[in-house]
Amino acid sequence: MNALRQSLRQKRRDINIVDRDKLANNLLSNIKKIVNFNKDQKIALYLPNDGEVDPKYLQNLLKKQEINTYLPILVDKSLKFAKVGENFRNNQYGIPEPISTEIISAEQLDIVFMPLVGFDSDKNRIGMGSGYYDRTLAFKKDQKSSEKPTLIGLAFDCQQVDQLETQDWDVMLDAIITPSSIY
């Protein structure tokens, strides 16, 4: 799994900056096809790291619609979500996290947009390998798929593999969106 993870990380890092920006913009039109946003929602995004899809176009759309957005923050071995503000500090991995007074749990979110390293058409994902999202979202394994939050992975098409080997702790996504497809 580590060799696959490294190979997929390299593929997404190899996308040049101009193409990366175009693809991120294309991805927004696919997001709009399956998600209806409203002002009452609480939406989690992420800040891109290591070549991940940049959700900046989605973030701009949510900001224009005055929808509350949150970013993940590390709390022990899992994630909480802090409302986006003006002030940030780097976490232990060097990823900026908002310094916020409003911190909520994943159960309080309506939609979680998350990065991934690889995915298959069955909506399985592999992340960076630390398990933060799987631990944080473990409660979803006991829910009906219609219960919130909706989990949506964002990826480049080159990150798709035929089939991923899954583990008991893996949390399946509700959808995966790439610039060209919706799974």
C-alpha atoms as a PDB file:
ATOM      1  CA  MET A   1       0.000   0.000   0.000  1.00  0.00           C
ATOM      2  CA  ASN A   2       2.876   2.386   0.737  1.00  0.00           C
ATOM      3  CA  ALA A   3       4.308   1.950  -2.775  1.00  0.00           C
ATOM      4  CA  LEU A   4       0.885   2.680  -4.286  1.00  0.00           C
ATOM      5  CA  ARG A   5       0.449   5.696  -2.021  1.00  0.00           C
ATOM      6  CA  GLN A   6       3.869   7.087  -3.026  1.00  0.00           C
ATOM      7  CA  SER A   7       3.182   6.518  -6.735  1.00  0.00           C
ATOM      8  CA  LEU A   8      -0.198   8.284  -6.588  1.00  0.00           C
ATOM      9  CA  ARG A   9       1.214  11.191  -4.580  1.00  0.00           C
ATOM     10  CA  GLN A  10       3.894  11.640  -7.232  1.00  0.00           C
ATOM     11  CA  LYS A  11       1.279  11.573 -10.028  1.00  0.00           C
ATOM     12  CA  ARG A  12      -0.698  14.401  -8.478  1.00  0.00           C
ATOM     13  CA  ARG A  13       2.463  16.411  -7.719  1.00  0.00           C
ATOM     14  CA  ASP A  14       3.523  16.018 -11.375  1.00  0.00           C
ATOM     15  CA  ILE A  15       0.518  17.994 -12.642  1.00  0.00           C
ATOM     16  CA  ASN A  16       1.853  21.404 -13.663  1.00  0.00           C
ATOM     17  CA  ILE A  17       0.517  24.503 -11.947  1.00  0.00           C
ATOM     18  CA  VAL A  18      -1.470  25.821 -14.938  1.00  0.00           C
ATOM     19  CA  ASP A  19      -3.207  22.465 -15.506  1.00  0.00           C
ATOM     20  CA  ARG A  20      -3.754  22.053 -11.761  1.00  0.00           C
ATOM     21  CA  ASP A  21      -5.632  25.356 -11.644  1.00  0.00           C
ATOM     22  CA  LYS A  22      -7.781  24.527 -14.715  1.00  0.00           C
ATOM     23  CA  LEU A  23      -8.628  21.105 -13.292  1.00  0.00           C
ATOM     24  CA  ALA A  24      -9.588  22.590  -9.913  1.00  0.00           C
ATOM     25  CA  ASN A  25     -11.908  25.013 -11.703  1.00  0.00           C
ATOM     26  CA  ASN A  26     -13.439  22.182 -13.806  1.00  0.00           C
ATOM     27  CA  LEU A  27     -14.060  20.216 -10.644  1.00  0.00           C
ATOM     28  CA  LEU A  28     -16.354  22.972  -9.347  1.00  0.00           C
ATOM     29  CA  SER A  29     -18.869  22.421 -12.162  1.00  0.00           C
ATOM     30  CA  ASN A  30     -19.127  18.739 -11.197  1.00  0.00           C
ATOM     31  CA  ILE A  31     -19.601  19.676  -7.534  1.00  0.00           C
ATOM     32  CA  LYS A  32     -22.519  21.945  -8.513  1.00  0.00           C
ATOM     33  CA  LYS A  33     -24.176  19.015 -10.344  1.00  0.00           C
ATOM     34  CA  ILE A  34     -24.644  16.986  -7.161  1.00  0.00           C
ATOM     35  CA  VAL A  35     -24.610  19.449  -4.253  1.00  0.00           C
ATOM     36  CA  ASN A  36     -27.250  22.036  -3.417  1.00  0.00           C
ATOM     37  CA  PHE A  37     -25.760  24.580  -1.053  1.00  0.00           C
ATOM     38  CA  ASN A  38     -27.745  26.754   1.349  1.00  0.00           C
ATOM     39  CA  LYS A  39     -26.854  29.315   4.007  1.00  0.00           C
ATOM     40  CA  ASP A  40     -27.811  27.061   6.911  1.00  0.00           C
ATOM     41  CA  GLN A  41     -25.148  24.487   6.055  1.00  0.00           C
ATOM     42  CA  LYS A  42     -21.801  23.953   7.700  1.00  0.00           C
ATOM     43  CA  ILE A  43     -19.247  22.825   5.147  1.00  0.00           C
ATOM     44  CA  ALA A  44     -15.747  21.476   5.795  1.00  0.00           C
ATOM     45  CA  LEU A  45     -12.996  22.082   3.263  1.00  0.00           C
ATOM     46  CA  TYR A  46      -9.224  21.655   3.519  1.00  0.00           C
ATOM     47  CA  LEU A  47      -6.112  23.569   2.560  1.00  0.00           C
ATOM     48  CA  PRO A  48      -4.206  21.749  -0.188  1.00  0.00           C
ATOM     49  CA  ASN A  49      -0.957  20.022   0.664  1.00  0.00           C
ATOM     50  CA  ASP A  50       1.389  17.762  -1.292  1.00  0.00           C
ATOM     51  CA  GLY A  51      -0.286  18.338  -4.670  1.00  0.00           C
ATOM     52  CA  GLU A  52      -3.891  17.834  -3.510  1.00  0.00           C
ATOM     53  CA  VAL A  53      -6.741  19.378  -5.484  1.00  0.00           C
ATOM     54  CA  ASP A  54      -7.108  22.987  -4.365  1.00  0.00           C
ATOM     55  CA  PRO A  55     -10.734  23.646  -3.347  1.00  0.00           C
ATOM     56  CA  LYS A  56     -10.246  27.445  -3.712  1.00  0.00           C
ATOM     57  CA  TYR A  57     -12.974  27.802  -6.361  1.00  0.00           C
ATOM     58  CA  LEU A  58     -15.407  25.957  -4.111  1.00  0.00           C
ATOM     59  CA  GLN A  59     -14.297  28.088  -1.161  1.00  0.00           C
ATOM     60  CA  ASN A  60     -14.912  31.270  -3.164  1.00  0.00           C
ATOM     61  CA  LEU A  61     -18.409  30.061  -4.131  1.00  0.00           C
ATOM     62  CA  LEU A  62     -19.263  29.264  -0.497  1.00  0.00           C
ATOM     63  CA  LYS A  63     -17.936  32.641   0.642  1.00  0.00           C
ATOM     64  CA  LYS A  64     -20.096  34.468  -1.943  1.00  0.00           C
ATOM     65  CA  GLN A  65     -23.139  32.523  -0.730  1.00  0.00           C
ATOM     66  CA  GLU A  66     -22.229  33.335   2.895  1.00  0.00           C
ATOM     67  CA  ILE A  67     -22.074  29.663   3.852  1.00  0.00           C
ATOM     68  CA  ASN A  68     -20.102  28.805   6.989  1.00  0.00           C
ATOM     69  CA  THR A  69     -16.904  26.979   6.127  1.00  0.00           C
ATOM     70  CA  TYR A  70     -14.620  25.042   8.422  1.00  0.00           C
ATOM     71  CA  LEU A  71     -11.146  23.569   8.135  1.00  0.00           C
ATOM     72  CA  PRO A  72      -9.781  20.499   9.911  1.00  0.00           C
ATOM     73  CA  ILE A  73      -7.555  20.938  12.941  1.00  0.00           C
ATOM     74  CA  LEU A  74      -5.597  18.155  14.590  1.00  0.00           C
ATOM     75  CA  VAL A  75      -6.771  17.234  18.075  1.00  0.00           C
ATOM     76  CA  ASP A  76      -4.827  14.268  19.430  1.00  0.00           C
ATOM     77  CA  LYS A  77      -5.287  11.475  16.864  1.00  0.00           C
ATOM     78  CA  SER A  78      -8.425  12.838  15.209  1.00  0.00           C
ATOM     79  CA  LEU A  79      -9.869  16.005  13.701  1.00  0.00           C
ATOM     80  CA  LYS A  80     -12.128  18.797  14.860  1.00  0.00           C
ATOM     81  CA  PHE A  81     -13.243  21.573  12.542  1.00  0.00           C
ATOM     82  CA  ALA A  82     -12.563  25.278  13.092  1.00  0.00           C
ATOM     83  CA  LYS A  83     -14.530  28.053  11.433  1.00  0.00           C
ATOM     84  CA  VAL A  84     -12.440  29.826   8.805  1.00  0.00           C
ATOM     85  CA  GLY A  85     -11.210  33.188   9.971  1.00  0.00           C
ATOM     86  CA  GLU A  86      -8.221  35.433   9.408  1.00  0.00           C
ATOM     87  CA  ASN A  87      -5.637  33.872  11.738  1.00  0.00           C
ATOM     88  CA  PHE A  88      -3.783  30.601  11.190  1.00  0.00           C
ATOM     89  CA  ARG A  89      -0.963  28.600  12.725  1.00  0.00           C
ATOM     90  CA  ASN A  90       0.874  25.583  11.323  1.00  0.00           C
ATOM     91  CA  ASN A  91       0.163  22.148  12.753  1.00  0.00           C
ATOM     92  CA  GLN A  92       2.797  19.453  13.311  1.00  0.00           C
ATOM     93  CA  TYR A  93       2.799  18.655   9.554  1.00  0.00           C
ATOM     94  CA  GLY A  94       3.280  22.307   8.562  1.00  0.00           C
ATOM     95  CA  ILE A  95      -0.321  22.636   7.339  1.00  0.00           C
ATOM     96  CA  PRO A  96      -2.037  25.904   8.317  1.00  0.00           C
ATOM     97  CA  GLU A  97      -4.985  25.562  10.713  1.00  0.00           C
ATOM     98  CA  PRO A  98      -7.402  28.344  11.632  1.00  0.00           C
ATOM     99  CA  ILE A  99      -7.187  29.805  15.097  1.00  0.00           C
ATOM    100  CA  SER A 100     -10.864  30.045  15.872  1.00  0.00           C
ATOM    101  CA  THR A 101     -13.225  30.338  18.785  1.00  0.00           C
ATOM    102  CA  GLU A 102     -15.821  28.177  17.023  1.00  0.00           C
ATOM    103  CA  ILE A 103     -14.671  24.576  16.897  1.00  0.00           C
ATOM    104  CA  ILE A 104     -17.144  21.819  16.072  1.00  0.00           C
ATOM    105  CA  SER A 105     -17.141  18.052  15.630  1.00  0.00           C
ATOM    106  CA  ALA A 106     -17.667  16.217  12.350  1.00  0.00           C
ATOM    107  CA  GLU A 107     -21.174  15.228  13.475  1.00  0.00           C
ATOM    108  CA  GLN A 108     -22.161  18.909  13.352  1.00  0.00           C
ATOM    109  CA  LEU A 109     -21.171  19.329   9.706  1.00  0.00           C
ATOM    110  CA  ASP A 110     -23.461  18.945   6.709  1.00  0.00           C
ATOM    111  CA  ILE A 111     -20.783  18.185   4.117  1.00  0.00           C
ATOM    112  CA  VAL A 112     -17.117  17.249   4.442  1.00  0.00           C
ATOM    113  CA  PHE A 113     -15.016  17.793   1.314  1.00  0.00           C
ATOM    114  CA  MET A 114     -11.781  15.905   1.795  1.00  0.00           C
ATOM    115  CA  PRO A 115      -8.562  15.277  -0.048  1.00  0.00           C
ATOM    116  CA  LEU A 116      -7.359  11.832  -0.955  1.00  0.00           C
ATOM    117  CA  VAL A 117      -4.328  10.113  -2.374  1.00  0.00           C
ATOM    118  CA  GLY A 118      -6.159   7.439  -4.356  1.00  0.00           C
ATOM    119  CA  PHE A 119      -9.653   6.114  -4.980  1.00  0.00           C
ATOM    120  CA  ASP A 120     -11.602   3.454  -6.825  1.00  0.00           C
ATOM    121  CA  SER A 121     -15.015   3.527  -8.497  1.00  0.00           C
ATOM    122  CA  ASP A 122     -16.584   1.943  -5.382  1.00  0.00           C
ATOM    123  CA  LYS A 123     -15.856   5.209  -3.503  1.00  0.00           C
ATOM    124  CA  ASN A 124     -13.066   3.752  -1.401  1.00  0.00           C
ATOM    125  CA  ARG A 125     -10.191   6.110  -0.664  1.00  0.00           C
ATOM    126  CA  ILE A 126      -6.676   6.034   0.624  1.00  0.00           C
ATOM    127  CA  GLY A 127      -5.306   9.072   2.338  1.00  0.00           C
ATOM    128  CA  MET A 128      -1.857  10.031   3.474  1.00  0.00           C
ATOM    129  CA  GLY A 129      -1.744   7.074   5.870  1.00  0.00           C
ATOM    130  CA  SER A 130      -2.230   8.649   9.287  1.00  0.00           C
ATOM    131  CA  GLY A 131      -5.922   7.724   9.584  1.00  0.00           C
ATOM    132  CA  TYR A 132      -7.164  11.103  10.851  1.00  0.00           C
ATOM    133  CA  TYR A 133     -10.276  11.197   8.658  1.00  0.00           C
ATOM    134  CA  ASP A 134     -11.090   7.507   9.263  1.00  0.00           C
ATOM    135  CA  ARG A 135     -10.878   7.910  13.060  1.00  0.00           C
ATOM    136  CA  THR A 136     -12.842  11.165  13.001  1.00  0.00           C
ATOM    137  CA  LEU A 137     -15.576   9.777  10.760  1.00  0.00           C
ATOM    138  CA  ALA A 138     -15.785   6.266  12.240  1.00  0.00           C
ATOM    139  CA  PHE A 139     -19.313   7.063  13.495  1.00  0.00           C
ATOM    140  CA  LYS A 140     -20.459   7.078   9.831  1.00  0.00           C
ATOM    141  CA  LYS A 141     -19.932   3.314   9.581  1.00  0.00           C
ATOM    142  CA  ASP A 142     -22.964   2.798  11.848  1.00  0.00           C
ATOM    143  CA  GLN A 143     -25.206   5.314  10.063  1.00  0.00           C
ATOM    144  CA  LYS A 144     -27.577   5.134   7.161  1.00  0.00           C
ATOM    145  CA  SER A 145     -25.884   6.707   4.156  1.00  0.00           C
ATOM    146  CA  SER A 146     -28.398   9.568   4.116  1.00  0.00           C
ATOM    147  CA  GLU A 147     -27.330  10.878   7.534  1.00  0.00           C
ATOM    148  CA  LYS A 148     -24.993  13.837   7.756  1.00  0.00           C
ATOM    149  CA  PRO A 149     -22.348  14.698   7.118  1.00  0.00           C
ATOM    150  CA  THR A 150     -22.127  13.824   3.443  1.00  0.00           C
ATOM    151  CA  LEU A 151     -18.550  12.795   2.661  1.00  0.00           C
ATOM    152  CA  ILE A 152     -17.148  13.927  -0.682  1.00  0.00           C
ATOM    153  CA  GLY A 153     -13.611  13.251  -1.846  1.00  0.00           C
ATOM    154  CA  LEU A 154     -11.937  15.611  -4.307  1.00  0.00           C
ATOM    155  CA  ALA A 155      -9.291  14.209  -6.644  1.00  0.00           C
ATOM    156  CA  PHE A 156      -7.602  14.431 -10.000  1.00  0.00           C
ATOM    157  CA  ASP A 157      -8.531  11.715 -12.500  1.00  0.00           C
ATOM    158  CA  CYS A 158      -4.964  10.332 -12.408  1.00  0.00           C
ATOM    159  CA  GLN A 159      -5.541   9.267  -8.791  1.00  0.00           C
ATOM    160  CA  GLN A 160      -8.038   6.551  -9.710  1.00  0.00           C
ATOM    161  CA  VAL A 161      -7.019   2.907  -9.404  1.00  0.00           C
ATOM    162  CA  ASP A 162      -8.910  -0.238 -10.417  1.00  0.00           C
ATOM    163  CA  GLN A 163      -9.577  -1.472  -6.902  1.00  0.00           C
ATOM    164  CA  LEU A 164      -8.345  -0.605  -3.432  1.00  0.00           C
ATOM    165  CA  GLU A 165      -7.827  -3.124  -0.693  1.00  0.00           C
ATOM    166  CA  THR A 166      -9.968  -1.906   2.205  1.00  0.00           C
ATOM    167  CA  GLN A 167      -9.584  -2.317   5.939  1.00  0.00           C
ATOM    168  CA  ASP A 168     -12.270  -2.571   8.649  1.00  0.00           C
ATOM    169  CA  TRP A 169     -11.565   0.981   9.814  1.00  0.00           C
ATOM    170  CA  ASP A 170     -11.888   2.569   6.351  1.00  0.00           C
ATOM    171  CA  VAL A 171     -14.842   4.921   5.988  1.00  0.00           C
ATOM    172  CA  MET A 172     -16.421   4.840   2.531  1.00  0.00           C
ATOM    173  CA  LEU A 173     -17.256   8.149   0.877  1.00  0.00           C
ATOM    174  CA  ASP A 174     -20.689   9.180  -0.374  1.00  0.00           C
ATOM    175  CA  ALA A 175     -19.155  10.585  -3.569  1.00  0.00           C
ATOM    176  CA  ILE A 176     -15.839  11.256  -5.239  1.00  0.00           C
ATOM    177  CA  ILE A 177     -15.592  14.137  -7.666  1.00  0.00           C
ATOM    178  CA  THR A 178     -12.863  14.618 -10.261  1.00  0.00           C
ATOM    179  CA  PRO A 179     -12.639  17.232 -13.012  1.00  0.00           C
ATOM    180  CA  SER A 180     -14.201  14.768 -15.479  1.00  0.00           C
ATOM    181  CA  SER A 181     -16.366  12.410 -13.400  1.00  0.00           C
ATOM    182  CA  ILE A 182     -18.658  11.913 -10.433  1.00  0.00           C
ATOM    183  CA  TYR A 183     -18.611   8.606  -8.567  1.00  0.00           C
END
